[in-house]
Structure formats: C-alpha cells, structure tokens
Amino acid sequence: MSISSGIVLYVVIWTMVMFVTLPIGLRTQEDENDVVPGTHPGSPVNFRIWRTMLIVTAVSTVLFAVIAGIILSGVIRISELGWI
C-alpha cells in the first residue's frame, strides 16, 4: 500500500465514522422545547464539534491500524476479491 492509498483509506474511514457518530447523543431544539425562530426544529442545541472530531479521529485511527495491518500482512489480497 502506497502513502496515497493509505491517506485515501484513512479519509474514507474517518468520513464513515463521522457520519455514524454525528447523531449519537444529539439533542435537538425540538427535544429541548426551545426552537429559535427561523431555524429548523431538528437543529442541534449544544453541538460540540471538536469533541466529536476527537472521538472520530481516535476511533478512525484504531480502525485504520487494524485494516492497514490486514492489508500489509497479506492476509487478504486484492486477487482474492475477484468475485466482486
């Protein structure tokens, strides 16, 4: 796996984990009965993006290490995935 392949793999993993993590623990304005005029009732009340990004980065790094280890060790080869 080249450097560019590793970067692309990490970005794809990070993006997927981010989309899975975003709705976890989300409190909306409608849940809090505090809808600000002119905003959507589903807007988050107290969204902590930096905390979410830190958690996503930690989880993505662990997943990347496992997946890259499997790829680099040769346990799974691209030739074995020919049926796709």
N, C-alpha and C. Protein backbone atom coordinates (compact mmCIF):
# COMPACT_ATOMS: atom_id res chain seq x y z
N MET A 1 0.86 -1.17 0.00
CA MET A 1 0.00 0.00 0.00
C MET A 1 0.90 1.23 0.00
N SER A 2 0.64 2.12 -0.92
CA SER A 2 1.43 3.35 -1.01
C SER A 2 0.92 4.40 -0.02
N ILE A 3 1.67 5.47 0.09
CA ILE A 3 1.29 6.56 1.00
C ILE A 3 -0.06 7.15 0.60
N SER A 4 -0.24 7.38 -0.69
CA SER A 4 -1.50 7.98 -1.14
C SER A 4 -2.68 7.04 -0.90
N SER A 5 -2.47 5.73 -1.06
CA SER A 5 -3.54 4.76 -0.77
C SER A 5 -3.88 4.77 0.71
N GLY A 6 -2.87 4.88 1.54
CA GLY A 6 -3.09 4.95 2.99
C GLY A 6 -3.86 6.19 3.40
N ILE A 7 -3.53 7.32 2.79
CA ILE A 7 -4.23 8.57 3.09
C ILE A 7 -5.70 8.47 2.66
N VAL A 8 -5.93 7.95 1.47
CA VAL A 8 -7.31 7.80 0.98
C VAL A 8 -8.09 6.84 1.88
N LEU A 9 -7.47 5.74 2.28
CA LEU A 9 -8.13 4.79 3.17
C LEU A 9 -8.49 5.45 4.49
N TYR A 10 -7.57 6.22 5.07
CA TYR A 10 -7.84 6.89 6.34
C TYR A 10 -8.97 7.91 6.20
N VAL A 11 -8.97 8.68 5.12
CA VAL A 11 -10.02 9.69 4.92
C VAL A 11 -11.39 9.03 4.75
N VAL A 12 -11.44 7.92 4.02
CA VAL A 12 -12.71 7.21 3.84
C VAL A 12 -13.20 6.66 5.18
N ILE A 13 -12.30 6.06 5.94
CA ILE A 13 -12.69 5.53 7.26
C ILE A 13 -13.14 6.66 8.16
N TRP A 14 -12.40 7.77 8.19
CA TRP A 14 -12.74 8.90 9.05
C TRP A 14 -14.12 9.45 8.70
N THR A 15 -14.40 9.59 7.41
CA THR A 15 -15.68 10.13 6.96
C THR A 15 -16.83 9.20 7.35
N MET A 16 -16.64 7.91 7.16
CA MET A 16 -17.70 6.96 7.52
C MET A 16 -17.96 6.97 9.03
N VAL A 17 -16.90 7.02 9.83
CA VAL A 17 -17.07 7.05 11.28
C VAL A 17 -17.73 8.36 11.70
N MET A 18 -17.41 9.46 11.03
CA MET A 18 -18.02 10.75 11.36
C MET A 18 -19.53 10.71 11.13
N PHE A 19 -19.96 10.16 9.99
CA PHE A 19 -21.39 10.10 9.70
C PHE A 19 -22.12 9.16 10.66
N VAL A 20 -21.45 8.13 11.13
CA VAL A 20 -22.07 7.22 12.09
C VAL A 20 -22.15 7.89 13.46
N THR A 21 -21.15 8.68 13.81
CA THR A 21 -21.05 9.28 15.14
C THR A 21 -21.92 10.53 15.31
N LEU A 22 -22.18 11.26 14.25
CA LEU A 22 -22.91 12.53 14.36
C LEU A 22 -24.24 12.44 15.11
N PRO A 23 -25.11 11.50 14.83
CA PRO A 23 -26.40 11.50 15.53
C PRO A 23 -26.37 10.95 16.95
N ILE A 24 -25.26 10.40 17.40
CA ILE A 24 -25.20 9.81 18.73
C ILE A 24 -25.20 10.91 19.78
N GLY A 25 -26.16 10.86 20.68
CA GLY A 25 -26.25 11.83 21.77
C GLY A 25 -26.71 13.21 21.36
N LEU A 26 -27.26 13.35 20.17
CA LEU A 26 -27.69 14.65 19.67
C LEU A 26 -28.99 15.08 20.33
N ARG A 27 -29.03 16.27 20.85
CA ARG A 27 -30.24 16.88 21.42
C ARG A 27 -30.66 18.01 20.49
N THR A 28 -31.88 17.92 19.96
CA THR A 28 -32.35 18.94 19.03
C THR A 28 -33.12 20.03 19.77
N GLN A 29 -33.37 21.12 19.05
CA GLN A 29 -34.15 22.21 19.63
C GLN A 29 -35.56 21.74 19.97
N GLU A 30 -36.09 20.85 19.16
CA GLU A 30 -37.43 20.33 19.41
C GLU A 30 -37.44 19.47 20.67
N ASP A 31 -36.38 18.70 20.90
CA ASP A 31 -36.29 17.89 22.11
C ASP A 31 -36.27 18.76 23.36
N GLU A 32 -35.62 19.90 23.27
CA GLU A 32 -35.47 20.80 24.41
C GLU A 32 -36.63 21.81 24.52
N ASN A 33 -37.56 21.78 23.58
CA ASN A 33 -38.67 22.75 23.53
C ASN A 33 -38.17 24.20 23.54
N ASP A 34 -37.12 24.43 22.76
CA ASP A 34 -36.51 25.76 22.69
C ASP A 34 -36.13 26.05 21.24
N VAL A 35 -37.13 26.13 20.37
CA VAL A 35 -36.89 26.36 18.95
C VAL A 35 -36.69 27.85 18.70
N VAL A 36 -35.52 28.18 18.16
CA VAL A 36 -35.21 29.58 17.83
C VAL A 36 -35.94 29.92 16.53
N PRO A 37 -36.66 31.05 16.49
CA PRO A 37 -37.38 31.42 15.27
C PRO A 37 -36.43 31.52 14.07
N GLY A 38 -36.87 30.94 12.97
CA GLY A 38 -36.07 30.99 11.75
C GLY A 38 -35.13 29.82 11.58
N THR A 39 -35.12 28.89 12.54
CA THR A 39 -34.26 27.71 12.43
C THR A 39 -35.11 26.46 12.37
N HIS A 40 -34.52 25.40 11.92
CA HIS A 40 -35.21 24.11 11.83
C HIS A 40 -35.32 23.50 13.22
N PRO A 41 -36.46 22.90 13.55
CA PRO A 41 -36.61 22.29 14.88
C PRO A 41 -35.62 21.15 15.13
N GLY A 42 -35.07 20.58 14.07
CA GLY A 42 -34.11 19.49 14.22
C GLY A 42 -32.68 19.95 14.39
N SER A 43 -32.47 21.25 14.47
CA SER A 43 -31.12 21.78 14.67
C SER A 43 -30.61 21.42 16.06
N PRO A 44 -29.31 21.10 16.17
CA PRO A 44 -28.77 20.74 17.48
C PRO A 44 -28.75 21.92 18.44
N VAL A 45 -28.91 21.60 19.73
CA VAL A 45 -28.91 22.65 20.75
C VAL A 45 -27.48 22.99 21.15
N ASN A 46 -26.72 22.00 21.56
CA ASN A 46 -25.37 22.24 22.04
C ASN A 46 -24.44 21.23 21.36
N PHE A 47 -24.09 21.53 20.12
CA PHE A 47 -23.28 20.61 19.34
C PHE A 47 -21.81 20.91 19.57
N ARG A 48 -21.08 19.92 20.07
CA ARG A 48 -19.65 20.07 20.35
C ARG A 48 -18.85 19.39 19.24
N ILE A 49 -18.54 20.14 18.19
CA ILE A 49 -17.87 19.58 17.02
C ILE A 49 -16.46 19.11 17.34
N TRP A 50 -15.74 19.84 18.18
CA TRP A 50 -14.34 19.46 18.46
C TRP A 50 -14.27 18.15 19.25
N ARG A 51 -15.19 17.96 20.19
CA ARG A 51 -15.23 16.70 20.94
C ARG A 51 -15.58 15.55 20.00
N THR A 52 -16.54 15.78 19.12
CA THR A 52 -16.94 14.75 18.16
C THR A 52 -15.78 14.41 17.23
N MET A 53 -15.08 15.42 16.77
CA MET A 53 -13.95 15.17 15.86
C MET A 53 -12.82 14.42 16.57
N LEU A 54 -12.60 14.70 17.83
CA LEU A 54 -11.57 13.99 18.59
C LEU A 54 -11.92 12.52 18.75
N ILE A 55 -13.17 12.23 19.07
CA ILE A 55 -13.62 10.84 19.20
C ILE A 55 -13.53 10.12 17.86
N VAL A 56 -13.97 10.78 16.79
CA VAL A 56 -13.93 10.20 15.45
C VAL A 56 -12.49 9.91 15.04
N THR A 57 -11.58 10.83 15.32
CA THR A 57 -10.19 10.63 14.96
C THR A 57 -9.58 9.45 15.71
N ALA A 58 -9.90 9.32 17.00
CA ALA A 58 -9.36 8.20 17.79
C ALA A 58 -9.88 6.86 17.27
N VAL A 59 -11.19 6.78 17.03
CA VAL A 59 -11.77 5.54 16.53
C VAL A 59 -11.24 5.22 15.13
N SER A 60 -11.14 6.23 14.28
CA SER A 60 -10.66 6.03 12.91
C SER A 60 -9.21 5.56 12.89
N THR A 61 -8.40 6.08 13.78
CA THR A 61 -7.00 5.68 13.83
C THR A 61 -6.87 4.21 14.20
N VAL A 62 -7.66 3.76 15.16
CA VAL A 62 -7.64 2.35 15.55
C VAL A 62 -8.12 1.47 14.40
N LEU A 63 -9.23 1.85 13.77
CA LEU A 63 -9.74 1.08 12.64
C LEU A 63 -8.75 1.05 11.48
N PHE A 64 -8.11 2.19 11.21
CA PHE A 64 -7.13 2.26 10.14
C PHE A 64 -5.95 1.33 10.44
N ALA A 65 -5.49 1.32 11.68
CA ALA A 65 -4.36 0.46 12.04
C ALA A 65 -4.70 -1.01 11.82
N VAL A 66 -5.91 -1.40 12.19
CA VAL A 66 -6.33 -2.79 12.01
C VAL A 66 -6.44 -3.13 10.53
N ILE A 67 -7.12 -2.28 9.77
CA ILE A 67 -7.34 -2.55 8.34
C ILE A 67 -6.01 -2.50 7.57
N ALA A 68 -5.18 -1.50 7.86
CA ALA A 68 -3.88 -1.41 7.18
C ALA A 68 -3.00 -2.60 7.55
N GLY A 69 -3.07 -3.05 8.80
CA GLY A 69 -2.31 -4.23 9.21
C GLY A 69 -2.74 -5.47 8.45
N ILE A 70 -4.04 -5.63 8.26
CA ILE A 70 -4.54 -6.77 7.49
C ILE A 70 -4.08 -6.68 6.04
N ILE A 71 -4.15 -5.50 5.46
CA ILE A 71 -3.75 -5.33 4.06
C ILE A 71 -2.25 -5.58 3.90
N LEU A 72 -1.43 -4.99 4.78
CA LEU A 72 0.02 -5.10 4.66
C LEU A 72 0.54 -6.48 5.01
N SER A 73 -0.16 -7.21 5.87
CA SER A 73 0.30 -8.55 6.24
C SER A 73 0.03 -9.56 5.14
N GLY A 74 -0.88 -9.25 4.25
CA GLY A 74 -1.20 -10.16 3.15
C GLY A 74 -2.26 -11.18 3.50
N VAL A 75 -2.93 -11.02 4.62
CA VAL A 75 -4.00 -11.94 4.99
C VAL A 75 -5.09 -11.92 3.94
N ILE A 76 -5.43 -10.74 3.47
CA ILE A 76 -6.41 -10.59 2.39
C ILE A 76 -5.71 -9.88 1.24
N ARG A 77 -5.80 -10.49 0.06
CA ARG A 77 -5.18 -9.90 -1.13
C ARG A 77 -6.27 -9.42 -2.08
N ILE A 78 -5.91 -8.47 -2.91
CA ILE A 78 -6.86 -7.97 -3.90
C ILE A 78 -7.27 -9.09 -4.86
N SER A 79 -6.35 -9.99 -5.20
CA SER A 79 -6.68 -11.08 -6.11
C SER A 79 -7.74 -12.00 -5.54
N GLU A 80 -7.84 -12.08 -4.22
CA GLU A 80 -8.87 -12.92 -3.59
C GLU A 80 -10.25 -12.29 -3.67
N LEU A 81 -10.31 -11.00 -3.98
CA LEU A 81 -11.57 -10.29 -4.06
C LEU A 81 -12.06 -10.19 -5.51
N GLY A 82 -11.66 -11.09 -6.36
CA GLY A 82 -12.01 -11.06 -7.76
C GLY A 82 -13.49 -11.28 -8.02
N TRP A 83 -14.19 -11.84 -7.08
CA TRP A 83 -15.61 -12.13 -7.26
C TRP A 83 -16.45 -10.87 -7.16
N ILE A 84 -15.87 -9.77 -6.71
CA ILE A 84 -16.66 -8.53 -6.52
C ILE A 84 -17.01 -7.95 -7.85
